[in-house]
N, C-alpha and C. Protein backbone atom coordinates (compact mmCIF):
# COMPACT_ATOMS: atom_id res chain seq x y z
N MET A 1 11.19 -11.97 -4.73
CA MET A 1 10.48 -12.96 -4.83
C MET A 1 9.46 -12.40 -5.26
N ASN A 2 8.96 -13.28 -6.59
CA ASN A 2 7.88 -12.71 -7.65
C ASN A 2 6.38 -13.31 -7.41
N THR A 3 6.47 -14.51 -6.73
CA THR A 3 5.38 -15.23 -6.65
C THR A 3 5.30 -15.55 -5.28
N LEU A 4 4.02 -15.70 -4.65
CA LEU A 4 3.91 -16.26 -2.98
C LEU A 4 3.69 -17.69 -3.34
N SER A 5 4.00 -18.51 -2.05
CA SER A 5 3.73 -19.83 -1.96
C SER A 5 2.20 -19.90 -1.45
N ARG A 6 1.90 -20.99 -1.67
CA ARG A 6 0.39 -21.14 -1.15
C ARG A 6 0.33 -20.91 0.29
N ALA A 7 1.25 -21.13 1.40
CA ALA A 7 1.38 -20.94 2.46
C ALA A 7 1.06 -19.45 2.79
N ALA A 8 1.98 -18.61 2.09
CA ALA A 8 1.96 -17.04 2.30
C ALA A 8 0.77 -16.52 1.85
N THR A 9 0.08 -17.22 0.62
CA THR A 9 -1.22 -16.86 0.25
C THR A 9 -2.34 -16.77 1.21
N ALA A 10 -2.32 -18.22 1.68
CA ALA A 10 -3.34 -18.32 3.03
C ALA A 10 -3.28 -17.90 4.20
N HIS A 11 -2.27 -17.31 4.45
CA HIS A 11 -1.96 -16.39 5.35
C HIS A 11 -2.82 -14.92 5.29
N LEU A 12 -2.91 -14.79 4.01
CA LEU A 12 -3.84 -13.26 3.50
C LEU A 12 -5.22 -13.56 4.16
N PHE A 13 -5.76 -14.71 3.80
CA PHE A 13 -7.12 -14.90 4.07
C PHE A 13 -7.47 -15.71 5.40
N ASN A 14 -8.82 -15.55 5.73
CA ASN A 14 -9.43 -16.00 6.98
C ASN A 14 -9.69 -17.57 6.79
N SER A 15 -9.80 -17.90 5.78
CA SER A 15 -10.23 -19.21 5.39
C SER A 15 -9.65 -19.83 4.00
N PRO A 16 -9.99 -20.79 3.77
CA PRO A 16 -9.78 -21.43 2.24
C PRO A 16 -10.72 -21.01 1.47
N ASP A 17 -12.09 -21.21 2.13
CA ASP A 17 -13.35 -20.89 1.52
C ASP A 17 -13.24 -19.51 0.94
N SER A 18 -12.63 -18.44 1.77
CA SER A 18 -12.73 -17.05 1.50
C SER A 18 -11.86 -16.72 0.23
N TYR A 19 -10.68 -17.64 0.13
CA TYR A 19 -9.76 -17.32 -1.24
C TYR A 19 -10.79 -17.90 -2.47
N LEU A 20 -11.50 -18.88 -2.15
CA LEU A 20 -12.28 -19.42 -3.39
C LEU A 20 -13.25 -18.61 -3.73
N ALA A 21 -14.00 -17.91 -2.68
CA ALA A 21 -14.89 -16.75 -2.89
C ALA A 21 -14.32 -15.73 -3.80
N LEU A 22 -13.37 -15.35 -3.31
CA LEU A 22 -12.71 -13.97 -4.07
C LEU A 22 -12.60 -14.45 -5.45
N ARG A 23 -11.86 -15.54 -6.00
CA ARG A 23 -12.00 -15.85 -7.05
C ARG A 23 -13.00 -16.03 -7.77
N CYS A 24 -14.15 -16.51 -7.16
CA CYS A 24 -15.59 -16.59 -8.19
C CYS A 24 -16.04 -14.94 -8.37
N HIS A 25 -15.77 -14.40 -7.27
CA HIS A 25 -16.24 -13.18 -7.23
C HIS A 25 -15.47 -12.04 -8.52
N TRP A 26 -14.09 -12.49 -8.23
CA TRP A 26 -13.76 -11.65 -9.47
C TRP A 26 -13.85 -12.23 -10.87
N SER A 27 -14.17 -13.35 -11.08
CA SER A 27 -14.57 -13.83 -12.39
C SER A 27 -15.84 -13.38 -12.77
N THR A 28 -16.84 -13.33 -11.94
CA THR A 28 -18.06 -12.73 -12.31
C THR A 28 -18.12 -11.10 -12.18
N LEU A 29 -17.08 -10.55 -11.81
CA LEU A 29 -17.05 -9.04 -11.72
C LEU A 29 -16.19 -8.76 -13.19
N MET A 30 -15.21 -9.67 -13.67
CA MET A 30 -14.63 -9.51 -14.87
C MET A 30 -15.86 -9.64 -16.26
N ARG A 31 -16.72 -10.61 -15.71
CA ARG A 31 -17.96 -10.68 -16.70
C ARG A 31 -19.22 -9.61 -16.78
N SER A 32 -19.08 -8.49 -15.87
CA SER A 32 -19.86 -8.03 -15.62
C SER A 32 -19.71 -6.58 -16.49
N GLU A 33 -20.95 -5.48 -16.00
CA GLU A 33 -20.79 -4.10 -16.44
C GLU A 33 -19.95 -3.34 -15.93
N ARG A 34 -19.55 -3.84 -14.52
CA ARG A 34 -18.65 -3.15 -13.63
C ARG A 34 -17.41 -3.32 -13.72
N ARG A 35 -16.70 -4.23 -14.91
CA ARG A 35 -15.46 -4.42 -15.05
C ARG A 35 -15.03 -2.91 -15.66
N SER A 36 -15.52 -2.18 -16.21
CA SER A 36 -15.12 -1.01 -16.89
C SER A 36 -14.59 0.12 -15.67
N SER A 37 -15.37 -0.11 -14.48
CA SER A 37 -15.05 0.59 -13.33
C SER A 37 -13.66 0.30 -12.71
N LEU A 38 -13.19 -0.55 -13.00
CA LEU A 38 -12.08 -1.29 -12.17
C LEU A 38 -10.90 -0.54 -12.68
N ARG A 39 -9.90 0.18 -11.78
CA ARG A 39 -8.91 0.78 -12.00
C ARG A 39 -7.51 -0.44 -11.96
N PRO A 40 -6.21 0.18 -12.25
CA PRO A 40 -5.34 -0.70 -12.00
C PRO A 40 -4.85 -0.95 -10.72
N GLU A 41 -5.21 -0.20 -9.86
CA GLU A 41 -5.00 -0.85 -8.14
C GLU A 41 -5.86 -1.88 -7.90
N HIS A 42 -7.07 -2.16 -8.67
CA HIS A 42 -7.87 -3.11 -8.37
C HIS A 42 -7.22 -4.64 -8.94
N HIS A 43 -6.82 -4.37 -10.18
CA HIS A 43 -5.99 -5.54 -10.64
C HIS A 43 -4.80 -6.06 -9.88
N LEU A 44 -4.18 -4.74 -9.38
CA LEU A 44 -2.64 -5.10 -8.76
C LEU A 44 -3.33 -5.99 -7.37
N LEU A 45 -4.17 -5.36 -6.81
CA LEU A 45 -4.66 -6.01 -5.24
C LEU A 45 -5.14 -7.51 -5.64
N TYR A 46 -5.88 -7.70 -6.40
CA TYR A 46 -6.38 -9.21 -6.72
C TYR A 46 -5.17 -10.14 -7.20
N LEU A 47 -4.44 -9.57 -8.06
CA LEU A 47 -3.20 -10.20 -8.28
C LEU A 47 -2.22 -10.45 -7.22
N ALA A 48 -2.08 -9.81 -6.50
CA ALA A 48 -1.33 -9.79 -4.91
C ALA A 48 -2.01 -10.79 -4.05
N LEU A 49 -3.16 -10.73 -4.01
CA LEU A 49 -3.77 -11.43 -3.17
C LEU A 49 -3.93 -12.97 -3.54
N CYS A 50 -3.56 -13.06 -4.66
CA CYS A 50 -3.54 -14.46 -5.38
C CYS A 50 -2.19 -15.14 -5.32
N GLY A 51 -1.24 -14.16 -5.11
CA GLY A 51 0.18 -14.66 -5.02
C GLY A 51 0.68 -14.44 -6.38
N ARG A 52 0.18 -13.76 -7.35
CA ARG A 52 0.80 -13.89 -8.77
C ARG A 52 1.74 -12.66 -8.50
N ASP A 53 2.65 -12.68 -10.00
CA ASP A 53 3.59 -11.56 -10.06
C ASP A 53 2.72 -10.40 -11.00
N TRP A 54 2.21 -9.35 -10.09
CA TRP A 54 1.43 -8.50 -10.33
C TRP A 54 2.08 -7.36 -11.53
N ARG A 55 3.45 -7.46 -11.39
CA ARG A 55 4.37 -6.66 -12.12
C ARG A 55 4.00 -6.75 -13.58
N ARG A 56 3.56 -7.91 -14.04
CA ARG A 56 3.52 -8.26 -15.28
C ARG A 56 2.46 -7.65 -15.97
N ALA A 57 1.39 -7.32 -14.98
CA ALA A 57 0.17 -6.59 -15.50
C ALA A 57 0.52 -5.04 -16.15
N PHE A 58 1.70 -4.72 -16.02
CA PHE A 58 2.09 -3.23 -16.16
C PHE A 58 3.30 -3.20 -17.20
N THR A 59 3.11 -2.70 -18.49
CA THR A 59 3.99 -2.77 -19.68
C THR A 59 4.90 -1.57 -19.14
N PRO A 60 6.35 -1.57 -19.11
CA PRO A 60 7.01 -0.60 -19.09
C PRO A 60 7.00 0.60 -20.26
N ILE A 61 6.75 1.70 -19.98
CA ILE A 61 6.64 2.70 -21.03
C ILE A 61 7.89 2.98 -21.99
N SER A 62 7.86 2.71 -23.21
CA SER A 62 9.16 2.64 -24.13
C SER A 62 9.31 4.07 -25.12
N ASN A 63 7.97 4.19 -25.35
CA ASN A 63 7.94 5.56 -26.27
C ASN A 63 8.77 6.57 -25.69
N ALA A 64 9.90 7.00 -26.80
CA ALA A 64 10.45 7.84 -26.36
C ALA A 64 10.19 9.58 -26.08
N ARG A 65 9.00 9.79 -26.94
CA ARG A 65 8.57 11.10 -26.68
C ARG A 65 7.72 11.15 -25.25
N LYS A 66 7.00 10.06 -25.24
CA LYS A 66 6.28 10.04 -23.72
C LYS A 66 7.46 10.09 -22.69
N LEU A 67 8.32 9.32 -22.94
CA LEU A 67 9.41 9.60 -21.54
C LEU A 67 10.05 10.43 -21.71
N ALA A 68 10.26 11.60 -22.75
CA ALA A 68 11.08 12.86 -22.84
C ALA A 68 9.97 13.85 -22.15
N ASN A 69 8.42 13.54 -22.22
CA ASN A 69 7.65 14.24 -21.67
C ASN A 69 7.16 14.22 -20.41
N GLY A 70 7.87 13.11 -19.48
CA GLY A 70 7.57 12.83 -18.33
C GLY A 70 6.66 11.62 -17.83
N ALA A 71 6.05 11.18 -19.03
CA ALA A 71 5.31 9.70 -18.73
C ALA A 71 5.69 8.89 -17.76
N PHE A 72 6.83 8.68 -17.54
CA PHE A 72 7.33 7.52 -16.69
C PHE A 72 7.02 7.87 -15.38
N TYR A 73 7.06 9.19 -15.00
CA TYR A 73 6.52 9.42 -13.33
C TYR A 73 4.92 9.14 -13.03
N GLY A 74 4.28 9.17 -14.61
CA GLY A 74 2.77 9.16 -14.09
C GLY A 74 2.40 7.64 -14.47
N TRP A 75 3.22 6.88 -14.70
CA TRP A 75 2.92 5.30 -15.03
C TRP A 75 2.12 4.78 -14.05
N PRO A 76 1.05 4.19 -14.27
CA PRO A 76 0.06 3.62 -13.81
C PRO A 76 0.68 2.62 -12.60
N LEU A 77 1.62 2.05 -12.85
CA LEU A 77 2.19 1.21 -11.75
C LEU A 77 2.44 1.87 -10.61
N PHE A 78 3.11 2.99 -10.61
CA PHE A 78 3.52 4.02 -9.40
C PHE A 78 2.18 4.41 -8.78
N ARG A 79 1.21 4.88 -9.47
CA ARG A 79 0.05 5.07 -8.77
C ARG A 79 -0.68 4.15 -8.28
N ALA A 80 -0.98 3.09 -8.89
CA ALA A 80 -1.40 1.62 -8.35
C ALA A 80 -1.05 1.31 -6.95
N LEU A 81 0.47 1.21 -6.79
CA LEU A 81 1.33 0.86 -5.63
C LEU A 81 0.45 2.12 -4.64
N ALA A 82 0.88 3.08 -5.15
CA ALA A 82 0.61 4.03 -4.07
C ALA A 82 -0.98 4.10 -3.46
N ALA A 83 -1.70 3.63 -4.46
CA ALA A 83 -3.15 3.67 -4.01
C ALA A 83 -3.23 2.50 -2.89
N ILE A 84 -2.38 1.52 -3.09
CA ILE A 84 -2.73 0.37 -2.03
C ILE A 84 -2.31 0.79 -0.83
N TYR A 85 -1.41 1.63 -0.61
CA TYR A 85 -0.67 2.20 0.81
C TYR A 85 -1.44 3.59 1.16
N ASN A 86 -2.32 4.03 0.53
CA ASN A 86 -3.19 5.16 0.70
C ASN A 86 -4.50 5.04 1.52
N PRO A 87 -4.20 5.28 2.75
CA PRO A 87 -5.57 4.90 3.83
C PRO A 87 -6.78 5.91 3.33
N TYR A 88 -6.66 7.12 2.49
CA TYR A 88 -7.61 7.70 2.18
C TYR A 88 -8.72 7.17 1.21
N VAL A 89 -7.98 6.32 0.33
CA VAL A 89 -8.72 5.64 -0.70
C VAL A 89 -9.12 4.41 -0.49
N GLU A 90 -9.03 3.79 0.68
CA GLU A 90 -9.03 2.20 0.99
C GLU A 90 -10.64 1.85 0.57
N THR A 91 -11.70 2.97 1.42
CA THR A 91 -12.74 2.45 0.79
C THR A 91 -13.11 2.17 -0.73
N GLN A 92 -12.80 2.80 -1.43
CA GLN A 92 -12.77 2.90 -2.99
C GLN A 92 -11.83 1.61 -3.51
N LEU A 93 -10.75 1.39 -2.87
CA LEU A 93 -10.10 0.26 -3.26
C LEU A 93 -10.90 -0.92 -2.93
N LEU A 94 -11.26 -1.17 -1.93
CA LEU A 94 -12.21 -2.36 -1.41
C LEU A 94 -13.63 -2.55 -2.21
N ALA A 95 -13.95 -1.55 -2.59
CA ALA A 95 -15.73 -1.39 -2.94
C ALA A 95 -15.99 -2.70 -4.04
N PRO A 96 -14.99 -2.53 -5.04
CA PRO A 96 -15.33 -3.62 -5.82
C PRO A 96 -15.37 -5.07 -5.55
N PHE A 97 -14.65 -5.38 -4.53
CA PHE A 97 -14.52 -6.75 -3.95
C PHE A 97 -15.98 -6.98 -3.11
N ASP A 98 -16.75 -6.18 -2.98
CA ASP A 98 -18.02 -6.49 -2.05
C ASP A 98 -17.70 -7.18 -0.87
N GLY A 99 -16.59 -6.78 0.03
CA GLY A 99 -16.56 -7.66 1.16
C GLY A 99 -15.65 -8.67 1.11
N HIS A 100 -15.38 -9.52 -0.06
CA HIS A 100 -14.33 -10.46 -0.06
C HIS A 100 -12.86 -9.94 0.26
N VAL A 101 -12.79 -8.70 0.43
CA VAL A 101 -11.51 -8.15 0.74
C VAL A 101 -11.31 -7.16 1.91
N THR A 102 -10.80 -7.40 2.83
CA THR A 102 -11.17 -6.70 3.88
C THR A 102 -9.88 -5.76 4.44
N PRO A 103 -10.31 -5.17 5.26
CA PRO A 103 -9.37 -3.98 5.52
C PRO A 103 -8.17 -4.34 6.24
N GLU A 104 -8.65 -5.87 6.80
CA GLU A 104 -7.56 -6.44 7.74
C GLU A 104 -6.57 -7.38 6.64
N MET A 105 -7.20 -7.78 5.71
CA MET A 105 -6.25 -8.66 4.63
C MET A 105 -5.63 -7.55 3.70
N LEU A 106 -5.92 -6.55 3.33
CA LEU A 106 -5.10 -5.50 3.17
C LEU A 106 -4.00 -4.93 4.07
N ALA A 107 -4.26 -4.92 5.23
CA ALA A 107 -3.21 -4.78 6.21
C ALA A 107 -2.25 -5.57 6.06
N ARG A 108 -2.54 -7.07 6.00
CA ARG A 108 -1.84 -8.08 5.93
C ARG A 108 -0.75 -8.03 4.84
N LEU A 109 -1.55 -7.63 3.84
CA LEU A 109 -0.60 -7.55 2.40
C LEU A 109 0.54 -6.35 2.35
N ARG A 110 0.02 -5.52 2.94
CA ARG A 110 0.88 -4.01 2.65
C ARG A 110 2.28 -4.37 2.86
N PRO A 111 2.61 -4.99 4.11
CA PRO A 111 3.93 -4.77 4.36
C PRO A 111 5.03 -5.76 3.15
N TRP A 112 4.19 -6.84 2.48
CA TRP A 112 4.74 -7.69 1.64
C TRP A 112 5.02 -7.11 0.41
N LEU A 113 3.98 -5.85 -0.16
CA LEU A 113 4.35 -5.15 -1.22
C LEU A 113 5.50 -4.15 -1.30
N PRO A 114 6.33 -3.92 -2.45
CA PRO A 114 7.39 -3.09 -2.31
C PRO A 114 6.43 -1.47 -2.07
N VAL A 115 7.52 -0.52 -1.89
CA VAL A 115 7.14 0.86 -2.08
C VAL A 115 8.01 1.64 -3.01
N PRO A 116 7.90 1.44 -4.09
CA PRO A 116 8.95 2.04 -5.02
C PRO A 116 8.58 3.32 -5.33
N ASN A 117 9.69 4.40 -5.47
CA ASN A 117 9.49 5.87 -5.70
C ASN A 117 10.09 6.03 -6.95
N ALA A 118 8.81 6.57 -7.78
CA ALA A 118 9.23 6.80 -9.48
C ALA A 118 10.48 7.71 -9.55
N TYR A 119 10.75 8.59 -8.44
CA TYR A 119 11.81 9.61 -8.79
C TYR A 119 13.23 8.63 -8.13
N ALA A 120 13.33 7.65 -7.86
CA ALA A 120 14.38 6.84 -7.31
C ALA A 120 14.78 6.03 -8.52
N PHE A 121 13.63 5.98 -9.77
CA PHE A 121 14.13 4.96 -10.67
C PHE A 121 14.28 5.63 -12.32
N THR A 122 15.01 5.21 -12.92
CA THR A 122 15.37 5.96 -14.46
C THR A 122 14.42 5.08 -15.31
N PRO A 123 13.63 5.88 -16.31
CA PRO A 123 13.29 4.77 -17.79
C PRO A 123 14.41 3.56 -17.91
N ALA A 124 15.45 3.82 -18.01
CA ALA A 124 16.50 2.92 -18.55
C ALA A 124 16.61 1.67 -17.53
N MET A 125 16.12 1.80 -16.52
CA MET A 125 16.14 0.60 -15.55
C MET A 125 15.23 -0.43 -15.96
N PHE A 126 14.19 0.09 -16.66
CA PHE A 126 13.02 -0.73 -17.06
C PHE A 126 13.15 -1.16 -18.61
N ALA A 127 14.36 -0.88 -19.42
CA ALA A 127 14.51 -0.90 -20.77
C ALA A 127 14.27 -2.37 -21.21
N ASP A 128 15.05 -3.12 -20.65
CA ASP A 128 15.00 -4.62 -20.92
C ASP A 128 13.78 -5.06 -20.75
N GLY A 129 12.85 -4.54 -20.18
CA GLY A 129 11.65 -5.48 -19.77
C GLY A 129 11.38 -5.95 -18.61
N ALA A 130 12.54 -5.81 -17.87
CA ALA A 130 12.78 -6.23 -16.30
C ALA A 130 12.54 -5.24 -15.21
N PHE A 131 12.34 -5.88 -14.34
CA PHE A 131 11.71 -4.74 -13.09
C PHE A 131 13.10 -4.53 -12.13
N PRO A 132 13.24 -3.68 -11.99
CA PRO A 132 14.31 -3.33 -10.83
C PRO A 132 14.13 -3.52 -9.25
N PHE A 133 12.97 -3.94 -9.36
CA PHE A 133 12.42 -4.69 -7.73
C PHE A 133 11.66 -5.81 -7.80
N ASP A 134 11.56 -6.29 -6.82
CA ASP A 134 10.92 -7.64 -6.99
C ASP A 134 9.34 -7.07 -6.29
N ALA A 135 8.43 -8.35 -6.76
CA ALA A 135 6.91 -8.13 -6.70
C ALA A 135 6.44 -8.15 -5.23
N TYR A 136 7.29 -8.98 -4.21
CA TYR A 136 7.05 -9.11 -2.93
C TYR A 136 8.47 -8.99 -2.13
N THR A 137 8.52 -8.32 -1.22
CA THR A 137 9.70 -7.95 -0.42
C THR A 137 9.95 -9.61 0.62
N LEU A 138 11.12 -9.31 1.10
CA LEU A 138 11.45 -10.69 1.91
C LEU A 138 10.70 -10.86 3.33
N VAL A 139 9.98 -10.11 3.33
CA VAL A 139 9.24 -9.81 4.94
C VAL A 139 8.54 -11.07 4.67
N VAL A 140 7.86 -11.45 3.72
CA VAL A 140 6.85 -12.67 3.90
C VAL A 140 7.26 -13.84 4.56
N GLU A 141 8.70 -14.24 4.49
CA GLU A 141 9.33 -15.25 5.27
C GLU A 141 9.32 -15.00 6.66
N THR A 142 9.68 -13.83 6.95
CA THR A 142 10.03 -13.33 8.39
C THR A 142 8.37 -13.25 9.23
N ALA A 143 7.37 -12.83 8.35
CA ALA A 143 6.18 -12.80 9.17
C ALA A 143 5.44 -14.08 9.06
N LEU A 144 5.47 -15.15 8.15
CA LEU A 144 5.10 -16.44 8.43
C LEU A 144 5.97 -17.25 9.50
N ALA A 145 7.26 -16.88 9.43
CA ALA A 145 7.89 -17.54 10.64
C ALA A 145 7.43 -17.19 12.00
N THR A 146 6.58 -16.03 12.32
CA THR A 146 6.27 -15.53 13.58
C THR A 146 4.59 -16.18 13.68
N VAL A 147 4.24 -16.47 12.68
CA VAL A 147 2.70 -17.10 12.85
C VAL A 147 2.70 -18.39 13.48
C-alpha cells in the first residue's frame, strides 16, 4: 500500500480541523526562514500524516562511485525512517510542527510505516527506480477494523 485512504488518514488526527491546521502550518513553514532547518524526517513525517507516498521524496542513489564507497547505507531515507522510530529524537522531530503533530499521532503512525534495514537491501534492488517495500504496511486495514 503506497497511499492511505481518507478514513485511514482521519484516524491519525483528533479532528478534521487538526488535519487542516497541519496543512496550513506546513504551508506557512515552507514559506518561512525555518524551512532551511527542516530535515528529511520532517518531510517524511508530514507526507506520511497526509497519507501520501513519502518514498517519492527520496531518489535512489545511482552514482557508481558513491555506491562503491558505501553511500547507499547512509542514504537519508534509511536515516529518516530510523528517526521516526527513535524515541530519543522525538522532541526534535515534532518541534517544527509547533504542536500540530502530537506524540500520540506519531505513535498511531509508527506501526503503519515500514522499518527497512539498509543492510537487508542492495543498491540493485532500487536500480529501476522502484522500491522493494511499500510506503505503508498492511497493518492499516487491521488497525482501522478494530476502531
